[in-house]
Amino acid sequence: MLINLNGSLIDLSTPIVMGILNITPDSFFEGSRCQTADKICYRAEEITRQGGKIIDVGGYSTRPGAKEVTADEELDRVVFAMKTIREKFPEVPVSIDTFRANIAQIAVRDFGAAIVNDISGGTLDEQMFETVADLKVPYILMHIKGNPQTMQQNTNYVDFIPEIFLYFAEKVNKLKQLGVNDIILDPGFGFAKTLELNYELLAKMNLFSQFELPVLAGVSRKRMIWQLLDTTPDESLNGTTAVNMLALAQGANILRVHDVKEAVEVVRIFEKFKEFKR
């Protein structure tokens, strides 16, 4: 459960929190949008001050039905954010949330991004796996069917969990053959999954421990929470906290969240609970 972040080994046997910093005008949770230098700096400082270990920077909204963003526009957003963060927080590990290999390459080589977080699992850019192997950085491999524009029409499975297992097995094998050593699995909550499938996935997430790889849970303020509770993303903090605790109980090593302070507190409580469960 060790991953290498810019030369430092991070032990994920104790879960860590990744804070979301979206440089998009249309991310589903308005509170995560940062489009000015001041807002980017404020958010980056907030994430680190509240105990987040990684800042996840994304320039392309991947909410269901999101509008397509050109590669040039995404790159402009990413370069602006990475420059701004690096000027103020040069040592903080940054994850680049992109499915485009060239953007991942620029973020890592020019701005020291420590992780590539690809929501497509390499399906939207055939150069991604080779690029990550060349960059020698950890790779977050997420499960998805289709793309952000079509994924909610791709929720039919013959055998749900085994299909995800096969998806991961094939891609992990290819990545390892290319020499990618640090792989993190993301089951892809909300991506090509119905409300019921999301909770089945949550209940069975511990099965992914068979891969002997770290697992990331990204449930923060998602539809699986606010639709069930008949609320909105803005009103979903309490539900998110509950689901984050369940994810930790099911073996999550990284929580990707909008609300860092609350997630860090969940981890602390969970770790204290484990002391007396052993």
Protein backbone atom coordinates (compact mmCIF):
# COMPACT_ATOMS: atom_id res chain seq x y z
CA MET A 1 0.00 0.00 0.00
CA LEU A 2 2.91 2.34 -0.70
CA ILE A 3 2.79 4.81 -3.58
CA ASN A 4 5.56 7.07 -4.79
CA LEU A 5 4.58 10.74 -4.96
CA ASN A 6 7.39 12.81 -6.42
CA GLY A 7 10.00 10.71 -4.66
CA SER A 8 8.20 10.39 -1.32
CA LEU A 9 6.65 7.07 -0.33
CA ILE A 10 3.12 7.48 1.00
CA ASP A 11 1.69 4.65 3.13
CA LEU A 12 -1.97 4.13 2.27
CA SER A 13 -2.59 1.55 4.98
CA THR A 14 -3.92 4.60 6.83
CA PRO A 15 -6.43 6.23 4.45
CA ILE A 16 -5.75 9.70 3.09
CA VAL A 17 -7.94 12.46 1.69
CA MET A 18 -7.70 13.98 -1.79
CA GLY A 19 -9.28 17.43 -2.15
CA ILE A 20 -11.06 18.40 -5.36
CA LEU A 21 -10.13 21.63 -7.14
CA ASN A 22 -12.19 22.11 -10.29
CA ILE A 23 -11.20 24.78 -12.78
CA THR A 24 -14.45 24.42 -14.65
CA PRO A 25 -17.57 26.58 -14.93
CA ASP A 26 -20.00 23.66 -14.89
CA SER A 27 -18.93 21.05 -12.32
CA PHE A 28 -22.02 19.58 -10.67
CA PHE A 29 -21.17 21.04 -7.23
CA GLU A 30 -20.91 24.81 -7.53
CA GLY A 31 -18.78 25.08 -4.41
CA SER A 32 -15.91 23.23 -6.11
CA ARG A 33 -15.52 25.63 -9.03
CA CYS A 34 -12.38 27.78 -9.01
CA GLN A 35 -11.73 29.93 -12.08
CA THR A 36 -9.62 32.81 -10.77
CA ALA A 37 -6.12 32.82 -9.30
CA ASP A 38 -7.45 34.00 -5.94
CA LYS A 39 -10.03 31.22 -5.76
CA ILE A 40 -7.50 28.60 -6.84
CA CYS A 41 -5.04 29.74 -4.15
CA TYR A 42 -7.75 29.87 -1.51
CA ARG A 43 -8.95 26.38 -2.35
CA ALA A 44 -5.44 24.90 -2.49
CA GLU A 45 -4.61 26.45 0.90
CA GLU A 46 -7.91 25.21 2.33
CA ILE A 47 -7.28 21.64 1.18
CA THR A 48 -3.81 21.51 2.72
CA ARG A 49 -4.80 23.33 5.93
CA GLN A 50 -7.68 20.95 6.52
CA GLY A 51 -5.51 17.86 6.15
CA GLY A 52 -5.82 16.91 2.49
CA LYS A 53 -2.71 15.10 1.26
CA ILE A 54 -3.32 15.54 -2.48
CA ILE A 55 -4.93 18.29 -4.58
CA ASP A 56 -6.86 16.88 -7.54
CA VAL A 57 -6.96 19.43 -10.37
CA GLY A 58 -9.50 19.00 -13.16
CA GLY A 59 -10.24 21.16 -16.20
CA TYR A 60 -13.02 19.07 -17.74
CA SER A 61 -16.33 18.52 -15.96
CA THR A 62 -17.23 14.82 -16.11
CA ARG A 63 -20.69 15.06 -14.59
CA PRO A 64 -23.36 13.11 -16.52
CA GLY A 65 -24.24 14.92 -19.73
CA ALA A 66 -21.43 17.46 -19.37
CA LYS A 67 -20.56 19.49 -22.43
CA GLU A 68 -17.45 18.47 -24.33
CA VAL A 69 -14.39 20.64 -23.78
CA THR A 70 -11.74 21.01 -26.45
CA ALA A 71 -8.22 19.86 -25.69
CA ASP A 72 -6.93 23.42 -26.06
CA GLU A 73 -9.47 24.80 -23.61
CA GLU A 74 -8.77 22.07 -21.06
CA LEU A 75 -5.03 22.64 -21.43
CA ASP A 76 -5.38 26.41 -20.91
CA ARG A 77 -7.34 25.80 -17.71
CA VAL A 78 -4.89 23.22 -16.41
CA VAL A 79 -1.78 25.28 -17.16
CA PHE A 80 -3.29 28.34 -15.47
CA ALA A 81 -4.21 26.35 -12.35
CA MET A 82 -0.94 24.44 -12.13
CA LYS A 83 1.13 27.61 -12.46
CA THR A 84 -0.94 29.28 -9.77
CA ILE A 85 -0.69 26.34 -7.37
CA ARG A 86 3.01 25.79 -7.92
CA GLU A 87 3.83 29.44 -7.17
CA LYS A 88 2.20 29.23 -3.74
CA PHE A 89 2.39 25.53 -2.87
CA PRO A 90 5.44 24.05 -4.63
CA GLU A 91 5.68 20.93 -2.45
CA VAL A 92 2.05 19.80 -2.28
CA PRO A 93 1.34 16.63 -4.32
CA VAL A 94 -1.04 17.41 -7.18
CA SER A 95 -3.12 14.93 -9.15
CA ILE A 96 -4.10 15.82 -12.71
CA ASP A 97 -7.66 14.76 -13.49
CA THR A 98 -7.71 14.23 -17.24
CA PHE A 99 -8.32 11.51 -19.82
CA ARG A 100 -6.04 13.19 -22.39
CA ALA A 101 -2.48 11.88 -22.52
CA ASN A 102 -0.88 15.11 -23.75
CA ILE A 103 -2.42 17.11 -20.88
CA ALA A 104 -1.24 14.52 -18.38
CA GLN A 105 2.23 14.73 -19.86
CA ILE A 106 2.39 18.53 -19.63
CA ALA A 107 1.03 18.58 -16.08
CA VAL A 108 3.61 16.05 -14.90
CA ARG A 109 6.68 17.16 -16.85
CA ASP A 110 6.19 20.93 -16.74
CA PHE A 111 4.45 21.37 -13.39
CA GLY A 112 5.38 18.36 -11.31
CA ALA A 113 1.99 16.69 -11.04
CA ALA A 114 2.46 13.53 -8.97
CA ILE A 115 -0.51 11.41 -10.13
CA VAL A 116 -2.59 10.96 -13.27
CA ASN A 117 -6.29 10.50 -12.48
CA ASP A 118 -8.02 9.18 -15.61
CA ILE A 119 -11.81 8.76 -15.44
CA SER A 120 -11.76 6.80 -18.71
CA GLY A 121 -9.39 4.01 -17.73
CA GLY A 122 -7.46 4.66 -20.91
CA THR A 123 -10.51 4.18 -23.15
CA LEU A 124 -10.71 7.78 -24.42
CA ASP A 125 -7.04 8.20 -25.39
CA GLU A 126 -5.13 5.19 -26.64
CA GLN A 127 -1.84 6.89 -25.75
CA MET A 128 -2.64 7.23 -22.03
CA PHE A 129 -1.19 3.97 -20.74
CA GLU A 130 2.07 4.39 -22.63
CA THR A 131 2.30 8.01 -21.49
CA VAL A 132 1.83 7.13 -17.82
CA ALA A 133 4.43 4.38 -18.14
CA ASP A 134 6.88 6.89 -19.62
CA LEU A 135 6.12 9.48 -16.93
CA LYS A 136 6.60 6.92 -14.13
CA VAL A 137 3.87 8.34 -11.91
CA PRO A 138 0.99 6.61 -10.11
CA TYR A 139 -2.13 6.10 -12.19
CA ILE A 140 -5.72 6.12 -10.96
CA LEU A 141 -7.60 3.59 -13.08
CA MET A 142 -11.34 4.19 -13.02
CA HIS A 143 -14.19 2.02 -14.25
CA ILE A 144 -16.54 3.59 -16.81
CA LYS A 145 -18.60 2.59 -19.83
CA GLY A 146 -18.84 5.17 -22.59
CA ASN A 147 -17.95 8.79 -21.87
CA PRO A 148 -19.43 11.62 -19.77
CA GLN A 149 -21.92 12.40 -22.53
CA THR A 150 -23.15 8.80 -22.94
CA MET A 151 -22.37 6.91 -19.73
CA GLN A 152 -25.85 7.16 -18.23
CA GLN A 153 -27.19 5.27 -21.25
CA ASN A 154 -24.64 2.49 -20.55
CA THR A 155 -25.93 1.10 -17.26
CA ASN A 156 -26.87 -2.40 -18.46
CA TYR A 157 -24.68 -5.24 -17.21
CA VAL A 158 -24.98 -9.00 -17.60
CA ASP A 159 -23.08 -9.61 -14.35
CA PHE A 160 -22.22 -6.31 -12.71
CA ILE A 161 -19.35 -6.93 -10.27
CA PRO A 162 -17.61 -9.64 -12.38
CA GLU A 163 -17.68 -7.27 -15.36
CA ILE A 164 -15.88 -4.60 -13.33
CA PHE A 165 -13.40 -7.23 -12.12
CA LEU A 166 -12.65 -8.26 -15.70
CA TYR A 167 -12.26 -4.60 -16.75
CA PHE A 168 -9.71 -4.01 -13.98
CA ALA A 169 -7.90 -7.31 -14.52
CA GLU A 170 -7.32 -6.65 -18.21
CA LYS A 171 -6.19 -3.05 -17.71
CA VAL A 172 -4.00 -3.73 -14.69
CA ASN A 173 -2.27 -6.48 -16.64
CA LYS A 174 -1.61 -4.14 -19.57
CA LEU A 175 -0.33 -1.37 -17.30
CA LYS A 176 2.02 -3.71 -15.47
CA GLN A 177 3.37 -5.06 -18.76
CA LEU A 178 4.21 -1.47 -19.66
CA GLY A 179 6.00 -0.99 -16.35
CA VAL A 180 3.42 1.04 -14.42
CA ASN A 181 4.02 0.02 -10.80
CA ASP A 182 1.75 2.32 -8.82
CA ILE A 183 -1.88 1.68 -9.78
CA ILE A 184 -4.89 2.86 -7.78
CA LEU A 185 -8.32 1.40 -8.53
CA ASP A 186 -11.39 3.66 -8.66
CA PRO A 187 -14.67 1.70 -8.97
CA GLY A 188 -16.25 4.75 -10.62
CA PHE A 189 -19.24 5.60 -8.45
CA GLY A 190 -21.79 7.45 -10.57
CA PHE A 191 -20.16 6.57 -13.87
CA ALA A 192 -22.42 4.32 -15.98
CA LYS A 193 -24.19 3.10 -12.86
CA THR A 194 -27.75 3.43 -11.57
CA LEU A 195 -28.60 4.35 -8.00
CA GLU A 196 -29.00 0.66 -7.11
CA LEU A 197 -25.76 -0.35 -8.82
CA ASN A 198 -23.84 2.33 -6.93
CA TYR A 199 -24.95 0.90 -3.59
CA GLU A 200 -24.28 -2.67 -4.70
CA LEU A 201 -20.80 -1.51 -5.67
CA LEU A 202 -20.34 0.15 -2.28
CA ALA A 203 -21.49 -2.99 -0.44
CA LYS A 204 -19.07 -5.18 -2.41
CA MET A 205 -16.14 -2.80 -2.73
CA ASN A 206 -14.06 -4.87 -0.30
CA LEU A 207 -13.85 -7.56 -3.00
CA PHE A 208 -11.41 -5.39 -4.92
CA SER A 209 -8.82 -6.08 -2.23
CA GLN A 210 -8.06 -9.23 -4.23
CA PHE A 211 -6.07 -7.04 -6.62
CA GLU A 212 -3.78 -6.03 -3.74
CA LEU A 213 -3.88 -2.44 -4.97
CA PRO A 214 -5.06 0.76 -3.24
CA VAL A 215 -8.69 1.70 -3.84
CA LEU A 216 -10.05 5.23 -4.21
CA ALA A 217 -13.67 6.10 -3.38
CA GLY A 218 -15.11 9.18 -5.07
CA VAL A 219 -18.67 9.57 -3.77
CA SER A 220 -18.61 13.19 -2.65
CA ARG A 221 -22.01 14.89 -3.09
CA LYS A 222 -22.90 12.60 -5.99
CA ARG A 223 -26.35 11.71 -7.30
CA MET A 224 -26.30 8.37 -5.47
CA ILE A 225 -26.56 10.42 -2.28
CA TRP A 226 -28.77 13.37 -3.07
CA GLN A 227 -31.20 11.45 -5.26
CA LEU A 228 -31.73 8.85 -2.54
CA LEU A 229 -32.25 11.55 0.09
CA ASP A 230 -34.36 13.75 -2.20
CA THR A 231 -32.07 16.73 -1.71
CA THR A 232 -29.42 18.49 -3.86
CA PRO A 233 -25.61 18.37 -4.13
CA ASP A 234 -25.46 21.46 -1.91
CA GLU A 235 -27.40 19.64 0.80
CA SER A 236 -25.47 16.39 0.62
CA LEU A 237 -22.60 16.85 3.06
CA ASN A 238 -24.13 14.70 5.79
CA GLY A 239 -24.95 11.94 3.32
CA THR A 240 -21.45 12.14 1.89
CA THR A 241 -19.95 11.72 5.35
CA ALA A 242 -22.07 8.62 5.92
CA VAL A 243 -21.08 7.06 2.60
CA ASN A 244 -17.41 7.93 3.11
CA MET A 245 -17.46 6.02 6.40
CA LEU A 246 -19.03 3.02 4.66
CA ALA A 247 -16.37 3.24 1.93
CA LEU A 248 -13.60 3.16 4.53
CA ALA A 249 -15.23 0.15 6.17
CA GLN A 250 -15.18 -1.52 2.75
CA GLY A 251 -11.47 -0.93 2.28
CA ALA A 252 -11.08 2.50 0.66
CA ASN A 253 -7.55 3.89 0.96
CA ILE A 254 -8.22 7.31 -0.57
CA LEU A 255 -11.30 9.50 -0.24
CA ARG A 256 -11.70 11.99 -3.08
CA VAL A 257 -13.87 14.79 -1.68
CA HIS A 258 -15.11 18.34 -1.87
CA ASP A 259 -15.26 18.69 1.94
CA VAL A 260 -11.78 17.94 3.21
CA LYS A 261 -12.16 18.77 6.91
CA GLU A 262 -15.15 16.48 7.30
CA ALA A 263 -13.50 13.63 5.41
CA VAL A 264 -10.32 13.90 7.48
CA GLU A 265 -12.47 13.66 10.61
CA VAL A 266 -14.14 10.54 9.22
CA VAL A 267 -10.73 8.94 8.70
CA ARG A 268 -9.63 9.81 12.24
CA ILE A 269 -12.77 8.33 13.76
CA PHE A 270 -12.50 5.22 11.60
CA GLU A 271 -8.87 4.66 12.57
CA LYS A 272 -9.70 5.02 16.27
CA PHE A 273 -12.58 2.57 15.85
CA LYS A 274 -10.23 0.05 14.23
CA GLU A 275 -7.94 0.09 17.27
CA PHE A 276 -10.63 -1.60 19.33
CA LYS A 277 -11.99 -3.86 16.61
CA ARG A 278 -8.80 -5.82 16.18
